[in-house]
Amino acid sequence: MKSPSFIAAACILAITWLAHTSASAQFATSLVLPKTNYLSYEPIPGTVTITNRSGGDIVMTGRGESNWLSFDVTDGTGRSLPSIGIAQEKPFIFKAGSSIAEKVMLSSHYSLTDLGSYAVTATIFHPPTQQYYTSNRVRFNVMDAKAFWEQPIGVPAGYPEAGRIRRYALVNFRDVDRSNLYFRLLDDKSKQTLATFELGPVSISTEPQPILDHENTLHVLFLALPKLHCYSILSPDGKLKKREYYKTVEENRPSLVSAPDGSVSVRGGVYFDPQAPEPAKKNSRPISERPPGL
């Protein structure tokens, strides 16, 4: 026969387990980052997906002045980074059984420029119970690579801080299973990084071709996939103005050419639209429909 103390302990464990099960059933939550390795100063987005499993509609609000969604970011030593709170959102009704996906630019709310490893979790506030629920922990790394090409430029008229000296840079960043070409814009005097973002996968078998036009706009042509080149145009304010693709057909390979007036264009290759639907395949005619004698 079980002793009273054993029965009491069992009851406590059962109650604790039921409470935990009930609490964890309120929200099904997951946090996802698009990749594991990031170049320093590159934007780092995160997506939190939440499903309302509470069985009823919930008016989503934060506690006091805080938001219903927050994050905990730690560095390689386990130290929590100072939180820059997510902007307070208006209350909304979270329907029972429905899901929402919140996209947050983590690099806009935390200082993630130092090299090293990091971990992040998302915390969601459950207004009916006044409790917080935590997502899975996602680990990521911030790394750096040396630029293989740089070019100082003067900011033309019509752009902010016209006349100031900036510096274009191209970086080949090797990730786990591929190399990626990155664009960087720096202040030439202070060396402050003003923009960093990925242009796309790059093949190391062919050197990227960068050319400046008469307006100090950067044109870059690089091999993204076998026989497929990516053509990117980047402005002196660090923005991507255009991205196009050109295919090599037989020996007709695309390249950048500079005209006497300073303009830059693509010569050779065939323009390729990756969003265009594939042409319909012609069905072969049955033998009965072939011309006589064939």
C-alpha atoms as a PDB file:
ATOM      1  CA  MET A   1       0.000   0.000   0.000  1.00  0.00           C
ATOM      2  CA  LYS A   2       1.288   3.415  -0.975  1.00  0.00           C
ATOM      3  CA  SER A   3       2.190   5.773   1.846  1.00  0.00           C
ATOM      4  CA  PRO A   4       0.300   9.089   2.204  1.00  0.00           C
ATOM      5  CA  SER A   5       3.515  11.027   1.498  1.00  0.00           C
ATOM      6  CA  PHE A   6       4.056   9.104  -1.746  1.00  0.00           C
ATOM      7  CA  ILE A   7       0.463   9.760  -2.867  1.00  0.00           C
ATOM      8  CA  ALA A   8       0.802  13.477  -2.062  1.00  0.00           C
ATOM      9  CA  ALA A   9       4.034  13.727  -4.022  1.00  0.00           C
ATOM     10  CA  ALA A  10       2.441  11.949  -6.964  1.00  0.00           C
ATOM     11  CA  CYS A  11      -0.507  14.346  -6.891  1.00  0.00           C
ATOM     12  CA  ILE A  12       1.811  17.345  -6.898  1.00  0.00           C
ATOM     13  CA  LEU A  13       3.729  15.966  -9.881  1.00  0.00           C
ATOM     14  CA  ALA A  14       0.499  15.268 -11.735  1.00  0.00           C
ATOM     15  CA  ILE A  15      -0.825  18.774 -11.081  1.00  0.00           C
ATOM     16  CA  THR A  16       2.482  20.309 -12.178  1.00  0.00           C
ATOM     17  CA  TRP A  17       2.497  18.221 -15.352  1.00  0.00           C
ATOM     18  CA  LEU A  18      -1.099  19.143 -16.165  1.00  0.00           C
ATOM     19  CA  ALA A  19      -0.386  22.832 -15.578  1.00  0.00           C
ATOM     20  CA  HIS A  20       2.645  22.692 -17.839  1.00  0.00           C
ATOM     21  CA  THR A  21       0.724  20.815 -20.522  1.00  0.00           C
ATOM     22  CA  SER A  22      -2.127  23.321 -20.349  1.00  0.00           C
ATOM     23  CA  ALA A  23       0.248  26.266 -20.480  1.00  0.00           C
ATOM     24  CA  SER A  24       2.305  24.948 -23.362  1.00  0.00           C
ATOM     25  CA  ALA A  25      -0.900  24.178 -25.254  1.00  0.00           C
ATOM     26  CA  GLN A  26      -1.916  27.865 -25.361  1.00  0.00           C
ATOM     27  CA  PHE A  27       0.469  28.691 -28.213  1.00  0.00           C
ATOM     28  CA  ALA A  28       2.410  26.566 -30.691  1.00  0.00           C
ATOM     29  CA  THR A  29       5.444  28.729 -31.414  1.00  0.00           C
ATOM     30  CA  SER A  30       8.492  28.449 -33.645  1.00  0.00           C
ATOM     31  CA  LEU A  31      11.337  30.826 -34.524  1.00  0.00           C
ATOM     32  CA  VAL A  32      13.213  30.539 -37.831  1.00  0.00           C
ATOM     33  CA  LEU A  33      16.202  32.377 -39.292  1.00  0.00           C
ATOM     34  CA  PRO A  34      16.843  31.967 -43.039  1.00  0.00           C
ATOM     35  CA  LYS A  35      20.440  30.813 -42.536  1.00  0.00           C
ATOM     36  CA  THR A  36      23.121  30.203 -39.908  1.00  0.00           C
ATOM     37  CA  ASN A  37      26.084  32.345 -41.006  1.00  0.00           C
ATOM     38  CA  TYR A  38      25.907  36.103 -41.607  1.00  0.00           C
ATOM     39  CA  LEU A  39      28.426  38.641 -42.809  1.00  0.00           C
ATOM     40  CA  SER A  40      29.063  41.409 -40.286  1.00  0.00           C
ATOM     41  CA  TYR A  41      26.583  44.320 -40.754  1.00  0.00           C
ATOM     42  CA  GLU A  42      24.332  42.152 -42.904  1.00  0.00           C
ATOM     43  CA  PRO A  43      20.592  42.417 -42.076  1.00  0.00           C
ATOM     44  CA  ILE A  44      19.448  39.481 -39.905  1.00  0.00           C
ATOM     45  CA  PRO A  45      15.704  38.768 -40.183  1.00  0.00           C
ATOM     46  CA  GLY A  46      13.732  36.359 -38.034  1.00  0.00           C
ATOM     47  CA  THR A  47      10.233  34.929 -38.441  1.00  0.00           C
ATOM     48  CA  VAL A  48       8.092  33.904 -35.472  1.00  0.00           C
ATOM     49  CA  THR A  49       5.127  31.661 -36.294  1.00  0.00           C
ATOM     50  CA  ILE A  50       2.424  31.331 -33.627  1.00  0.00           C
ATOM     51  CA  THR A  51      -0.703  29.178 -33.633  1.00  0.00           C
ATOM     52  CA  ASN A  52      -3.505  29.849 -31.156  1.00  0.00           C
ATOM     53  CA  ARG A  53      -4.206  26.496 -29.473  1.00  0.00           C
ATOM     54  CA  SER A  54      -6.048  27.924 -26.470  1.00  0.00           C
ATOM     55  CA  GLY A  55      -9.494  27.038 -27.823  1.00  0.00           C
ATOM     56  CA  GLY A  56     -10.767  30.633 -27.879  1.00  0.00           C
ATOM     57  CA  ASP A  57     -10.158  34.014 -29.466  1.00  0.00           C
ATOM     58  CA  ILE A  58      -7.532  36.171 -27.728  1.00  0.00           C
ATOM     59  CA  VAL A  59      -7.113  39.931 -27.746  1.00  0.00           C
ATOM     60  CA  MET A  60      -3.337  40.220 -28.175  1.00  0.00           C
ATOM     61  CA  THR A  61      -1.839  43.013 -26.094  1.00  0.00           C
ATOM     62  CA  GLY A  62       1.317  43.462 -24.084  1.00  0.00           C
ATOM     63  CA  ARG A  63       1.712  43.980 -20.371  1.00  0.00           C
ATOM     64  CA  GLY A  64       1.809  47.671 -19.532  1.00  0.00           C
ATOM     65  CA  GLU A  65       3.939  49.553 -22.059  1.00  0.00           C
ATOM     66  CA  SER A  66       5.587  46.417 -23.433  1.00  0.00           C
ATOM     67  CA  ASN A  67       4.718  44.536 -26.589  1.00  0.00           C
ATOM     68  CA  TRP A  68       3.274  41.012 -26.715  1.00  0.00           C
ATOM     69  CA  LEU A  69       6.370  39.886 -28.662  1.00  0.00           C
ATOM     70  CA  SER A  70       9.961  40.198 -27.437  1.00  0.00           C
ATOM     71  CA  PHE A  71      13.307  38.486 -27.952  1.00  0.00           C
ATOM     72  CA  ASP A  72      16.231  37.326 -25.871  1.00  0.00           C
ATOM     73  CA  VAL A  73      19.567  37.426 -27.703  1.00  0.00           C
ATOM     74  CA  THR A  74      22.727  36.086 -26.056  1.00  0.00           C
ATOM     75  CA  ASP A  75      26.336  36.105 -27.234  1.00  0.00           C
ATOM     76  CA  GLY A  76      28.818  33.224 -27.138  1.00  0.00           C
ATOM     77  CA  THR A  77      29.444  33.718 -23.413  1.00  0.00           C
ATOM     78  CA  GLY A  78      25.742  33.532 -22.575  1.00  0.00           C
ATOM     79  CA  ARG A  79      25.483  37.285 -21.872  1.00  0.00           C
ATOM     80  CA  SER A  80      22.144  38.801 -22.840  1.00  0.00           C
ATOM     81  CA  LEU A  81      22.410  41.712 -25.241  1.00  0.00           C
ATOM     82  CA  PRO A  82      20.644  44.947 -24.322  1.00  0.00           C
ATOM     83  CA  SER A  83      17.172  44.810 -25.771  1.00  0.00           C
ATOM     84  CA  ILE A  84      15.873  47.472 -28.095  1.00  0.00           C
ATOM     85  CA  GLY A  85      12.166  46.836 -27.710  1.00  0.00           C
ATOM     86  CA  ILE A  86       9.910  46.013 -30.604  1.00  0.00           C
ATOM     87  CA  ALA A  87       7.529  48.880 -31.360  1.00  0.00           C
ATOM     88  CA  GLN A  88       4.214  48.690 -29.541  1.00  0.00           C
ATOM     89  CA  GLU A  89       1.568  47.276 -31.863  1.00  0.00           C
ATOM     90  CA  LYS A  90      -2.154  47.891 -31.802  1.00  0.00           C
ATOM     91  CA  PRO A  91      -4.240  45.159 -30.115  1.00  0.00           C
ATOM     92  CA  PHE A  92      -5.747  42.588 -32.456  1.00  0.00           C
ATOM     93  CA  ILE A  93      -7.986  39.552 -32.147  1.00  0.00           C
ATOM     94  CA  PHE A  94      -6.062  36.302 -32.512  1.00  0.00           C
ATOM     95  CA  LYS A  95      -8.667  33.799 -33.740  1.00  0.00           C
ATOM     96  CA  ALA A  96      -8.735  30.329 -32.213  1.00  0.00           C
ATOM     97  CA  GLY A  97      -6.883  27.803 -34.346  1.00  0.00           C
ATOM     98  CA  SER A  98      -5.375  30.432 -36.638  1.00  0.00           C
ATOM     99  CA  SER A  99      -1.685  31.180 -37.173  1.00  0.00           C
ATOM    100  CA  ILE A 100       0.282  34.374 -37.607  1.00  0.00           C
ATOM    101  CA  ALA A 101       3.842  34.932 -38.824  1.00  0.00           C
ATOM    102  CA  GLU A 102       5.680  37.970 -37.454  1.00  0.00           C
ATOM    103  CA  LYS A 103       8.807  39.037 -39.335  1.00  0.00           C
ATOM    104  CA  VAL A 104      11.292  41.092 -37.324  1.00  0.00           C
ATOM    105  CA  MET A 105      14.665  42.493 -38.392  1.00  0.00           C
ATOM    106  CA  LEU A 106      16.720  41.427 -35.373  1.00  0.00           C
ATOM    107  CA  SER A 107      19.743  43.445 -36.494  1.00  0.00           C
ATOM    108  CA  SER A 108      17.614  46.607 -36.213  1.00  0.00           C
ATOM    109  CA  HIS A 109      16.848  45.940 -32.539  1.00  0.00           C
ATOM    110  CA  TYR A 110      20.120  44.437 -31.303  1.00  0.00           C
ATOM    111  CA  SER A 111      23.773  45.206 -31.891  1.00  0.00           C
ATOM    112  CA  LEU A 112      24.856  42.148 -33.874  1.00  0.00           C
ATOM    113  CA  THR A 113      27.934  43.495 -35.664  1.00  0.00           C
ATOM    114  CA  ASP A 114      30.599  41.948 -33.408  1.00  0.00           C
ATOM    115  CA  LEU A 115      32.042  38.700 -34.721  1.00  0.00           C
ATOM    116  CA  GLY A 116      31.051  35.565 -32.823  1.00  0.00           C
ATOM    117  CA  SER A 117      28.225  33.135 -32.116  1.00  0.00           C
ATOM    118  CA  TYR A 118      24.770  34.154 -30.907  1.00  0.00           C
ATOM    119  CA  ALA A 119      21.505  32.539 -29.843  1.00  0.00           C
ATOM    120  CA  VAL A 120      17.988  33.963 -29.929  1.00  0.00           C
ATOM    121  CA  THR A 121      14.582  32.991 -28.562  1.00  0.00           C
ATOM    122  CA  ALA A 122      11.221  34.686 -28.975  1.00  0.00           C
ATOM    123  CA  THR A 123       8.869  35.295 -26.048  1.00  0.00           C
ATOM    124  CA  ILE A 124       5.111  35.673 -26.514  1.00  0.00           C
ATOM    125  CA  PHE A 125       2.791  37.155 -23.894  1.00  0.00           C
ATOM    126  CA  HIS A 126      -0.503  35.338 -23.284  1.00  0.00           C
ATOM    127  CA  PRO A 127      -2.933  38.020 -22.019  1.00  0.00           C
ATOM    128  CA  PRO A 128      -5.651  35.755 -20.513  1.00  0.00           C
ATOM    129  CA  THR A 129      -3.202  34.028 -18.147  1.00  0.00           C
ATOM    130  CA  GLN A 130      -0.670  36.906 -17.910  1.00  0.00           C
ATOM    131  CA  GLN A 131       2.077  34.389 -18.666  1.00  0.00           C
ATOM    132  CA  TYR A 132       4.985  34.323 -21.126  1.00  0.00           C
ATOM    133  CA  TYR A 133       5.838  31.462 -23.479  1.00  0.00           C
ATOM    134  CA  THR A 134       9.212  30.957 -25.109  1.00  0.00           C
ATOM    135  CA  SER A 135      10.019  29.626 -28.572  1.00  0.00           C
ATOM    136  CA  ASN A 136      12.815  27.312 -29.629  1.00  0.00           C
ATOM    137  CA  ARG A 137      16.386  28.635 -29.424  1.00  0.00           C
ATOM    138  CA  VAL A 138      18.094  29.405 -32.743  1.00  0.00           C
ATOM    139  CA  ARG A 139      21.871  29.732 -33.002  1.00  0.00           C
ATOM    140  CA  PHE A 140      23.689  31.790 -35.632  1.00  0.00           C
ATOM    141  CA  ASN A 141      27.134  33.199 -36.353  1.00  0.00           C
ATOM    142  CA  VAL A 142      28.355  36.639 -37.389  1.00  0.00           C
ATOM    143  CA  MET A 143      31.532  36.427 -39.477  1.00  0.00           C
ATOM    144  CA  ASP A 144      33.607  38.633 -41.732  1.00  0.00           C
ATOM    145  CA  ALA A 145      35.616  38.392 -44.947  1.00  0.00           C
ATOM    146  CA  LYS A 146      38.074  40.702 -46.687  1.00  0.00           C
ATOM    147  CA  ALA A 147      36.928  42.652 -49.735  1.00  0.00           C
ATOM    148  CA  PHE A 148      38.554  41.525 -52.998  1.00  0.00           C
ATOM    149  CA  TRP A 149      37.638  44.787 -54.791  1.00  0.00           C
ATOM    150  CA  GLU A 150      37.259  48.361 -53.536  1.00  0.00           C
ATOM    151  CA  GLN A 151      36.753  51.725 -55.201  1.00  0.00           C
ATOM    152  CA  PRO A 152      36.410  55.180 -53.553  1.00  0.00           C
ATOM    153  CA  ILE A 153      33.840  57.515 -55.126  1.00  0.00           C
ATOM    154  CA  GLY A 154      32.517  61.007 -54.585  1.00  0.00           C
ATOM    155  CA  VAL A 155      28.808  61.167 -53.826  1.00  0.00           C
ATOM    156  CA  PRO A 156      27.174  62.937 -56.814  1.00  0.00           C
ATOM    157  CA  ALA A 157      24.756  65.837 -56.541  1.00  0.00           C
ATOM    158  CA  GLY A 158      21.201  64.773 -55.819  1.00  0.00           C
ATOM    159  CA  TYR A 159      22.188  62.240 -53.152  1.00  0.00           C
ATOM    160  CA  PRO A 160      22.396  62.846 -49.369  1.00  0.00           C
ATOM    161  CA  GLU A 161      25.816  64.202 -48.310  1.00  0.00           C
ATOM    162  CA  ALA A 162      26.807  65.013 -51.891  1.00  0.00           C
ATOM    163  CA  GLY A 163      30.555  65.528 -52.252  1.00  0.00           C
ATOM    164  CA  ARG A 164      31.481  63.200 -49.414  1.00  0.00           C
ATOM    165  CA  ILE A 165      33.828  60.310 -50.220  1.00  0.00           C
ATOM    166  CA  ARG A 166      32.334  56.832 -50.021  1.00  0.00           C
ATOM    167  CA  ARG A 167      33.856  53.460 -50.844  1.00  0.00           C
ATOM    168  CA  TYR A 168      32.319  50.614 -52.782  1.00  0.00           C
ATOM    169  CA  ALA A 169      33.464  47.112 -51.815  1.00  0.00           C
ATOM    170  CA  LEU A 170      32.737  43.597 -53.075  1.00  0.00           C
ATOM    171  CA  VAL A 171      33.167  40.640 -50.734  1.00  0.00           C
ATOM    172  CA  ASN A 172      33.187  36.939 -51.540  1.00  0.00           C
ATOM    173  CA  PHE A 173      31.705  35.277 -48.442  1.00  0.00           C
ATOM    174  CA  ARG A 174      32.042  31.505 -48.256  1.00  0.00           C
ATOM    175  CA  ASP A 175      29.092  29.866 -46.491  1.00  0.00           C
ATOM    176  CA  VAL A 176      28.634  26.179 -45.683  1.00  0.00           C
ATOM    177  CA  ASP A 177      27.770  24.935 -49.171  1.00  0.00           C
ATOM    178  CA  ARG A 178      28.267  27.911 -51.490  1.00  0.00           C
ATOM    179  CA  SER A 179      29.980  31.251 -52.030  1.00  0.00           C
ATOM    180  CA  ASN A 180      27.943  34.461 -52.001  1.00  0.00           C
ATOM    181  CA  LEU A 181      28.814  37.851 -53.448  1.00  0.00           C
ATOM    182  CA  TYR A 182      28.179  40.801 -51.118  1.00  0.00           C
ATOM    183  CA  PHE A 183      28.083  44.538 -51.696  1.00  0.00           C
ATOM    184  CA  ARG A 184      29.310  46.993 -49.080  1.00  0.00           C
ATOM    185  CA  LEU A 185      29.219  50.773 -48.884  1.00  0.00           C
ATOM    186  CA  LEU A 186      31.563  52.493 -46.426  1.00  0.00           C
ATOM    187  CA  ASP A 187      32.339  56.052 -45.417  1.00  0.00           C
ATOM    188  CA  ASP A 188      35.889  56.471 -46.684  1.00  0.00           C
ATOM    189  CA  LYS A 189      36.991  58.772 -43.851  1.00  0.00           C
ATOM    190  CA  SER A 190      35.438  57.143 -40.784  1.00  0.00           C
ATOM    191  CA  LYS A 191      35.419  53.596 -42.268  1.00  0.00           C
ATOM    192  CA  GLN A 192      31.853  53.243 -40.987  1.00  0.00           C
ATOM    193  CA  THR A 193      29.842  50.581 -42.795  1.00  0.00           C
ATOM    194  CA  LEU A 194      26.732  52.167 -44.299  1.00  0.00           C
ATOM    195  CA  ALA A 195      25.253  49.157 -46.099  1.00  0.00           C
ATOM    196  CA  THR A 196      25.954  45.440 -46.478  1.00  0.00           C
ATOM    197  CA  PHE A 197      23.791  42.963 -48.354  1.00  0.00           C
ATOM    198  CA  GLU A 198      24.001  39.854 -50.516  1.00  0.00           C
ATOM    199  CA  LEU A 199      23.843  40.107 -54.297  1.00  0.00           C
ATOM    200  CA  GLY A 200      23.528  36.365 -54.833  1.00  0.00           C
ATOM    201  CA  PRO A 201      25.431  33.092 -55.141  1.00  0.00           C
ATOM    202  CA  VAL A 202      28.670  33.430 -57.097  1.00  0.00           C
ATOM    203  CA  SER A 203      30.866  30.939 -58.917  1.00  0.00           C
ATOM    204  CA  ILE A 204      34.555  31.330 -58.105  1.00  0.00           C
ATOM    205  CA  SER A 205      35.480  29.995 -61.551  1.00  0.00           C
ATOM    206  CA  THR A 206      34.910  33.450 -63.078  1.00  0.00           C
ATOM    207  CA  GLU A 207      35.906  36.808 -61.579  1.00  0.00           C
ATOM    208  CA  PRO A 208      33.019  39.277 -61.106  1.00  0.00           C
ATOM    209  CA  GLN A 209      33.192  42.292 -63.413  1.00  0.00           C
ATOM    210  CA  PRO A 210      32.632  45.671 -61.653  1.00  0.00           C
ATOM    211  CA  ILE A 211      32.480  48.946 -63.655  1.00  0.00           C
ATOM    212  CA  LEU A 212      31.559  52.508 -62.610  1.00  0.00           C
ATOM    213  CA  ASP A 213      29.513  54.676 -64.958  1.00  0.00           C
ATOM    214  CA  HIS A 214      29.672  58.469 -65.387  1.00  0.00           C
ATOM    215  CA  GLU A 215      27.319  58.970 -62.397  1.00  0.00           C
ATOM    216  CA  ASN A 216      29.486  56.853 -60.056  1.00  0.00           C
ATOM    217  CA  THR A 217      26.871  54.114 -60.114  1.00  0.00           C
ATOM    218  CA  LEU A 218      28.336  50.626 -59.710  1.00  0.00           C
ATOM    219  CA  HIS A 219      27.537  47.947 -62.280  1.00  0.00           C
ATOM    220  CA  VAL A 220      28.462  44.347 -61.409  1.00  0.00           C
ATOM    221  CA  LEU A 221      28.192  41.262 -63.610  1.00  0.00           C
ATOM    222  CA  PHE A 222      28.982  37.892 -62.063  1.00  0.00           C
ATOM    223  CA  LEU A 223      28.434  34.200 -62.722  1.00  0.00           C
ATOM    224  CA  ALA A 224      25.680  33.039 -60.374  1.00  0.00           C
ATOM    225  CA  LEU A 225      25.037  29.577 -61.817  1.00  0.00           C
ATOM    226  CA  PRO A 226      26.547  27.633 -64.708  1.00  0.00           C
ATOM    227  CA  LYS A 227      25.862  29.715 -67.848  1.00  0.00           C
ATOM    228  CA  LEU A 228      23.732  32.198 -65.867  1.00  0.00           C
ATOM    229  CA  HIS A 229      25.073  35.681 -65.037  1.00  0.00           C
ATOM    230  CA  CYS A 230      23.559  38.167 -62.602  1.00  0.00           C
ATOM    231  CA  TYR A 231      23.724  41.854 -63.473  1.00  0.00           C
ATOM    232  CA  SER A 232      23.308  44.264 -60.519  1.00  0.00           C
ATOM    233  CA  ILE A 233      23.264  48.069 -60.472  1.00  0.00           C
ATOM    234  CA  LEU A 234      24.035  49.821 -57.158  1.00  0.00           C
ATOM    235  CA  SER A 235      23.643  53.521 -56.424  1.00  0.00           C
ATOM    236  CA  PRO A 236      25.986  55.799 -54.393  1.00  0.00           C
ATOM    237  CA  ASP A 237      23.504  55.745 -51.495  1.00  0.00           C
ATOM    238  CA  GLY A 238      23.971  51.984 -51.121  1.00  0.00           C
ATOM    239  CA  LYS A 239      20.730  50.816 -52.712  1.00  0.00           C
ATOM    240  CA  LEU A 240      20.134  48.083 -55.272  1.00  0.00           C
ATOM    241  CA  LYS A 241      18.624  49.810 -58.311  1.00  0.00           C
ATOM    242  CA  LYS A 242      18.291  46.820 -60.633  1.00  0.00           C
ATOM    243  CA  ARG A 243      18.947  43.087 -60.853  1.00  0.00           C
ATOM    244  CA  GLU A 244      18.782  41.199 -64.143  1.00  0.00           C
ATOM    245  CA  TYR A 245      19.942  37.839 -65.479  1.00  0.00           C
ATOM    246  CA  TYR A 246      21.638  36.856 -68.730  1.00  0.00           C
ATOM    247  CA  LYS A 247      22.295  33.365 -70.073  1.00  0.00           C
ATOM    248  CA  THR A 248      25.294  32.209 -72.057  1.00  0.00           C
ATOM    249  CA  VAL A 249      24.084  30.628 -75.287  1.00  0.00           C
ATOM    250  CA  GLU A 250      26.711  28.554 -77.120  1.00  0.00           C
ATOM    251  CA  GLU A 251      29.785  30.849 -77.131  1.00  0.00           C
ATOM    252  CA  ASN A 252      27.772  34.053 -76.703  1.00  0.00           C
ATOM    253  CA  ARG A 253      28.754  35.045 -73.181  1.00  0.00           C
ATOM    254  CA  PRO A 254      27.552  38.303 -71.532  1.00  0.00           C
ATOM    255  CA  SER A 255      29.996  41.018 -70.441  1.00  0.00           C
ATOM    256  CA  LEU A 256      29.900  44.650 -69.349  1.00  0.00           C
ATOM    257  CA  VAL A 257      31.023  47.364 -71.725  1.00  0.00           C
ATOM    258  CA  SER A 258      31.571  51.076 -71.093  1.00  0.00           C
ATOM    259  CA  ALA A 259      30.556  53.518 -73.844  1.00  0.00           C
ATOM    260  CA  PRO A 260      32.452  56.769 -74.647  1.00  0.00           C
ATOM    261  CA  ASP A 261      29.742  58.760 -72.839  1.00  0.00           C
ATOM    262  CA  GLY A 262      30.413  56.815 -69.613  1.00  0.00           C
ATOM    263  CA  SER A 263      27.280  54.674 -69.726  1.00  0.00           C
ATOM    264  CA  VAL A 264      27.512  50.934 -69.014  1.00  0.00           C
ATOM    265  CA  SER A 265      25.546  48.124 -70.617  1.00  0.00           C
ATOM    266  CA  VAL A 266      25.533  44.363 -71.087  1.00  0.00           C
ATOM    267  CA  ARG A 267      26.859  43.017 -74.355  1.00  0.00           C
ATOM    268  CA  GLY A 268      26.263  39.416 -75.401  1.00  0.00           C
ATOM    269  CA  GLY A 269      24.263  36.677 -73.808  1.00  0.00           C
ATOM    270  CA  VAL A 270      20.497  36.378 -73.800  1.00  0.00           C
ATOM    271  CA  TYR A 271      18.240  38.123 -71.305  1.00  0.00           C
ATOM    272  CA  PHE A 272      16.615  35.668 -68.917  1.00  0.00           C
ATOM    273  CA  ASP A 273      13.557  36.279 -66.731  1.00  0.00           C
ATOM    274  CA  PRO A 274      13.467  33.718 -63.879  1.00  0.00           C
ATOM    275  CA  GLN A 275       9.841  34.687 -63.131  1.00  0.00           C
ATOM    276  CA  ALA A 276       8.576  33.985 -66.635  1.00  0.00           C
ATOM    277  CA  PRO A 277       6.588  30.750 -67.041  1.00  0.00           C
ATOM    278  CA  GLU A 278       8.301  27.970 -68.917  1.00  0.00           C
ATOM    279  CA  PRO A 279       7.186  27.604 -72.525  1.00  0.00           C
ATOM    280  CA  ALA A 280       4.706  24.817 -73.045  1.00  0.00           C
ATOM    281  CA  LYS A 281       6.279  21.640 -74.354  1.00  0.00           C
ATOM    282  CA  LYS A 282       4.944  20.462 -77.684  1.00  0.00           C
ATOM    283  CA  ASN A 283       3.376  17.047 -77.484  1.00  0.00           C
ATOM    284  CA  SER A 284       4.808  14.580 -79.950  1.00  0.00           C
ATOM    285  CA  ARG A 285       2.314  13.479 -82.607  1.00  0.00           C
ATOM    286  CA  PRO A 286       1.140   9.856 -82.515  1.00  0.00           C
ATOM    287  CA  ILE A 287       2.341   7.470 -85.234  1.00  0.00           C
ATOM    288  CA  SER A 288      -1.128   7.467 -86.806  1.00  0.00           C
ATOM    289  CA  GLU A 289      -0.802  11.224 -87.474  1.00  0.00           C
ATOM    290  CA  ARG A 290       2.640  11.120 -89.097  1.00  0.00           C
ATOM    291  CA  PRO A 291       2.886  11.785 -92.812  1.00  0.00           C
ATOM    292  CA  PRO A 292       2.964   8.686 -95.065  1.00  0.00           C
ATOM    293  CA  GLY A 293       6.394   7.165 -95.561  1.00  0.00           C
ATOM    294  CA  LEU A 294       7.718   8.156 -92.071  1.00  0.00           C
END
